[in-house]
Protein backbone atom coordinates (compact mmCIF):
# COMPACT_ATOMS: atom_id res chain seq x y z
CA SER A 1 0.00 0.00 0.00
CA VAL A 2 2.79 2.43 0.92
CA ILE A 3 4.82 1.34 -2.14
CA ARG A 4 1.78 1.82 -4.38
CA GLN A 5 1.22 5.30 -2.89
CA MET A 6 4.90 6.23 -3.44
CA SER A 7 4.68 4.95 -7.02
CA THR A 8 1.53 7.01 -7.62
CA ASP A 9 3.11 10.13 -6.11
CA LYS A 10 6.21 9.66 -8.25
CA SER A 11 4.15 9.21 -11.42
CA HIS A 12 2.17 12.38 -10.62
CA TRP A 13 5.36 14.38 -10.16
CA LEU A 14 6.71 12.99 -13.43
CA PHE A 15 3.41 13.89 -15.08
CA TYR A 16 3.61 17.50 -13.84
CA LEU A 17 7.25 17.69 -14.89
CA ALA A 18 6.41 16.35 -18.36
CA LEU A 19 3.57 18.89 -18.67
CA LEU A 20 5.94 21.67 -17.68
CA VAL A 21 8.51 20.51 -20.24
CA ILE A 22 5.88 20.38 -23.02
CA GLY A 23 4.60 23.85 -22.02
CA LEU A 24 8.11 25.33 -21.96
CA ALA A 25 8.99 23.66 -25.26
CA GLY A 26 5.86 25.12 -26.85
CA SER A 27 6.68 28.58 -25.52
CA VAL A 28 10.27 28.40 -26.72
CA ALA A 29 9.16 27.15 -30.14
CA LEU A 30 6.70 30.05 -30.45
CA LEU A 31 9.34 32.52 -29.31
CA LEU A 32 11.85 31.20 -31.85
CA SER A 33 9.27 31.23 -34.64
CA THR A 34 8.54 34.93 -34.10
CA PRO A 35 12.01 36.53 -34.19
CA TYR A 36 10.61 39.77 -35.61
CA GLY A 37 7.71 39.92 -33.19
CA LEU A 38 4.08 38.94 -33.34
CA GLY A 39 1.86 39.68 -36.29
CA LEU A 40 0.12 43.04 -36.20
CA VAL A 41 -3.36 43.79 -37.49
CA SER A 42 -5.66 46.78 -37.23
CA ASP A 43 -7.09 45.55 -33.91
CA THR A 44 -3.57 45.51 -32.45
CA VAL A 45 -3.37 49.30 -32.79
CA ALA A 46 -6.50 49.74 -30.67
CA TYR A 47 -5.25 47.39 -27.93
CA VAL A 48 -1.78 48.98 -27.76
CA ASN A 49 -3.13 52.54 -27.96
CA GLY A 50 -5.68 51.70 -25.26
CA ALA A 51 -2.95 50.27 -23.02
CA GLU A 52 -0.70 53.30 -23.46
CA ASN A 53 -3.57 55.69 -22.68
CA ILE A 54 -4.56 53.70 -19.59
CA ALA A 55 -0.96 53.93 -18.41
CA LYS A 56 -0.94 57.71 -19.02
CA GLY A 57 -4.17 58.13 -17.05
CA ASN A 58 -6.32 58.98 -20.06
CA GLY A 59 -8.60 55.97 -19.62
CA TYR A 60 -9.41 53.31 -22.16
CA ALA A 61 -9.20 55.66 -25.11
CA GLU A 62 -7.54 56.04 -28.46
CA THR A 63 -5.65 59.08 -29.58
CA SER A 64 -7.57 60.92 -32.26
CA SER A 65 -6.00 62.63 -35.25
CA GLY A 66 -6.44 66.03 -33.54
CA GLY A 67 -4.42 64.92 -30.52
CA GLY A 68 -7.46 64.40 -28.29
CA TYR A 69 -8.78 61.20 -26.81
CA LYS A 70 -11.95 59.35 -27.56
CA PRO A 71 -13.19 56.28 -25.66
CA ILE A 72 -12.66 52.89 -27.25
CA THR A 73 -16.07 51.26 -27.39
CA HIS A 74 -15.64 48.62 -30.07
CA PHE A 75 -12.95 46.55 -28.30
CA PRO A 76 -13.18 45.11 -24.78
CA PRO A 77 -10.66 46.62 -22.34
CA MET A 78 -9.12 43.66 -20.46
CA PHE A 79 -6.29 42.90 -22.88
CA SER A 80 -5.24 46.56 -22.81
CA ILE A 81 -5.49 46.55 -19.01
CA PHE A 82 -3.07 43.60 -18.95
CA LEU A 83 -0.71 45.49 -21.28
CA ALA A 84 -0.90 48.82 -19.38
CA PRO A 85 1.62 47.90 -16.62
CA ILE A 86 4.16 47.20 -19.36
CA SER A 87 3.76 50.80 -20.54
CA LEU A 88 4.04 52.06 -16.96
CA LEU A 89 7.40 50.33 -16.62
CA GLY A 90 8.62 52.07 -19.77
CA LEU A 91 9.10 48.80 -21.63
CA ASP A 92 8.34 48.37 -25.31
CA VAL A 93 4.71 47.22 -25.41
CA LEU A 94 5.05 45.21 -28.62
CA LYS A 95 8.08 43.25 -27.42
CA SER A 96 6.65 42.73 -23.94
CA ALA A 97 3.28 41.63 -25.32
CA ARG A 98 5.13 39.00 -27.32
CA ILE A 99 6.63 37.60 -24.12
CA MET A 100 3.19 37.66 -22.48
CA ILE A 101 1.51 35.80 -25.34
CA VAL A 102 4.33 33.27 -25.60
CA SER A 103 3.94 32.64 -21.85
CA LEU A 104 0.18 32.28 -22.24
CA PHE A 105 0.77 29.65 -24.93
CA GLY A 106 2.89 27.58 -22.56
CA LEU A 107 0.36 28.03 -19.75
CA ASP A 108 -2.49 26.95 -22.03
CA ILE A 109 -0.60 23.79 -22.98
CA ILE A 110 -0.29 22.96 -19.28
CA LEU A 111 -3.95 23.82 -18.58
CA VAL A 112 -5.14 21.55 -21.41
CA GLY A 113 -3.02 18.70 -20.01
CA LEU A 114 -4.49 19.22 -16.54
CA LEU A 115 -8.05 19.38 -17.87
CA VAL A 116 -7.64 16.21 -19.94
CA HIS A 117 -6.23 14.49 -16.85
CA ARG A 118 -9.21 15.58 -14.76
CA ILE A 119 -11.56 14.14 -17.39
CA SER A 120 -9.73 10.95 -18.36
CA HIS A 121 -7.53 10.18 -15.32
CA PHE A 122 -4.96 8.85 -17.80
CA ILE A 123 -1.54 10.46 -17.82
CA LEU A 124 -0.81 9.37 -21.39
CA PHE A 125 -4.01 10.99 -22.72
CA SER A 126 -3.24 14.13 -20.76
CA LEU A 127 0.26 14.45 -22.17
CA LEU A 128 -1.09 13.71 -25.64
CA GLY A 129 -3.70 16.48 -25.24
CA ALA A 130 -1.01 18.95 -24.17
CA LEU A 131 1.22 17.89 -27.06
CA LEU A 132 -1.61 18.25 -29.55
CA LEU A 133 -2.17 21.83 -28.46
CA ALA A 134 1.57 22.51 -28.69
CA VAL A 135 1.69 21.40 -32.33
CA SER A 136 -1.78 22.47 -33.49
CA ASP A 137 -1.27 24.75 -36.48
CA ILE A 138 -4.81 26.12 -36.15
CA LEU A 139 -4.31 27.22 -32.55
CA LEU A 140 -0.71 28.24 -33.13
CA GLU A 141 -1.96 30.79 -35.64
CA VAL A 142 -4.06 32.38 -32.87
CA TYR A 143 -0.93 32.95 -30.76
CA LEU A 144 1.08 34.41 -33.64
CA TYR A 145 -0.76 37.74 -33.55
CA LEU A 146 -0.86 40.46 -30.95
CA MET A 147 -4.55 40.03 -30.23
CA SER A 148 -6.77 39.33 -27.23
CA GLU A 149 -7.58 35.70 -28.13
CA PRO A 150 -4.65 34.11 -26.23
CA LEU A 151 -5.64 35.84 -22.99
CA PHE A 152 -9.28 34.86 -23.55
CA ILE A 153 -8.36 31.20 -24.08
CA THR A 154 -6.21 31.18 -20.92
CA LEU A 155 -8.98 32.69 -18.81
CA ILE A 156 -11.58 30.24 -20.14
CA LEU A 157 -9.33 27.19 -19.62
CA ALA A 158 -8.50 28.29 -16.07
CA ALA A 159 -12.19 28.92 -15.35
CA ILE A 160 -13.08 25.40 -16.53
CA LEU A 161 -10.32 23.96 -14.33
CA PHE A 162 -11.51 25.87 -11.26
CA PHE A 163 -15.12 24.93 -11.96
CA SER A 164 -14.16 21.25 -12.05
CA LEU A 165 -12.29 21.69 -8.76
CA TYR A 166 -15.44 23.18 -7.26
CA PHE A 167 -17.36 20.01 -8.08
CA ASP A 168 -14.71 17.94 -6.29
CA ASN A 169 -15.05 19.61 -2.91
CA ARG A 170 -17.88 22.18 -3.17
CA ARG A 171 -15.75 24.98 -1.74
CA SER A 172 -17.15 28.36 -2.67
CA GLY A 173 -13.66 29.79 -3.29
CA TRP A 174 -13.34 27.74 -6.49
CA LEU A 175 -16.74 28.97 -7.64
CA LEU A 176 -15.80 32.58 -6.92
CA LEU A 177 -12.56 32.18 -8.89
CA THR A 178 -14.53 30.63 -11.75
CA GLY A 179 -16.92 33.58 -11.81
CA LEU A 180 -14.07 36.09 -11.64
CA LEU A 181 -12.22 34.45 -14.54
CA LEU A 182 -15.38 34.24 -16.64
CA GLY A 183 -16.03 37.93 -15.97
CA LEU A 184 -12.48 38.79 -17.02
CA ALA A 185 -12.87 36.61 -20.12
CA SER A 186 -16.05 38.50 -21.06
CA LEU A 187 -14.12 41.76 -20.75
CA THR A 188 -11.36 40.32 -22.93
CA ARG A 189 -13.49 39.18 -25.86
CA PHE A 190 -17.07 40.30 -26.33
CA ALA A 191 -17.66 36.87 -27.88
CA GLY A 192 -17.31 35.54 -24.34
CA LEU A 193 -20.66 37.12 -23.49
CA TRP A 194 -22.45 34.91 -26.00
């Protein structure tokens, strides 16, 4: 019984280590595949401009052609709020956002592995799920652009994980965290409201 418990504990630690390695490998691969930075689209301008104006104390606004500020109403604010501290530190927002999105990719790989493990209870399936996310060209394309989708995916995956933990022990803290993350996700992508 004690030997079986030690074997189970060891396999769980190896599982977590393997998940961490897959997550780090995915992050490094994404970092190396974007040597010139993440892709930029018209939405990127709104997010970066919103972040810089939040950091300057102008609110979630974009700089107009006349030098004034007008509120951004067509993009949710959470991604810019996450980027604003980068501006406050005086760091390059585009380069720092790349590091943030690369880190979110690695975290999402780990979250998928944990979620598959909670559903299947098989370590091999869990590692396979994490690996599939790491090499998925469809999802990889999402993380190649400076957009709000990576943050949205992370918040949703974490919310699902916390919600499943709530069902294990019915502690209200997990439910509160789930609600908080879902609220943040809704403020990251308006699609999260639907």
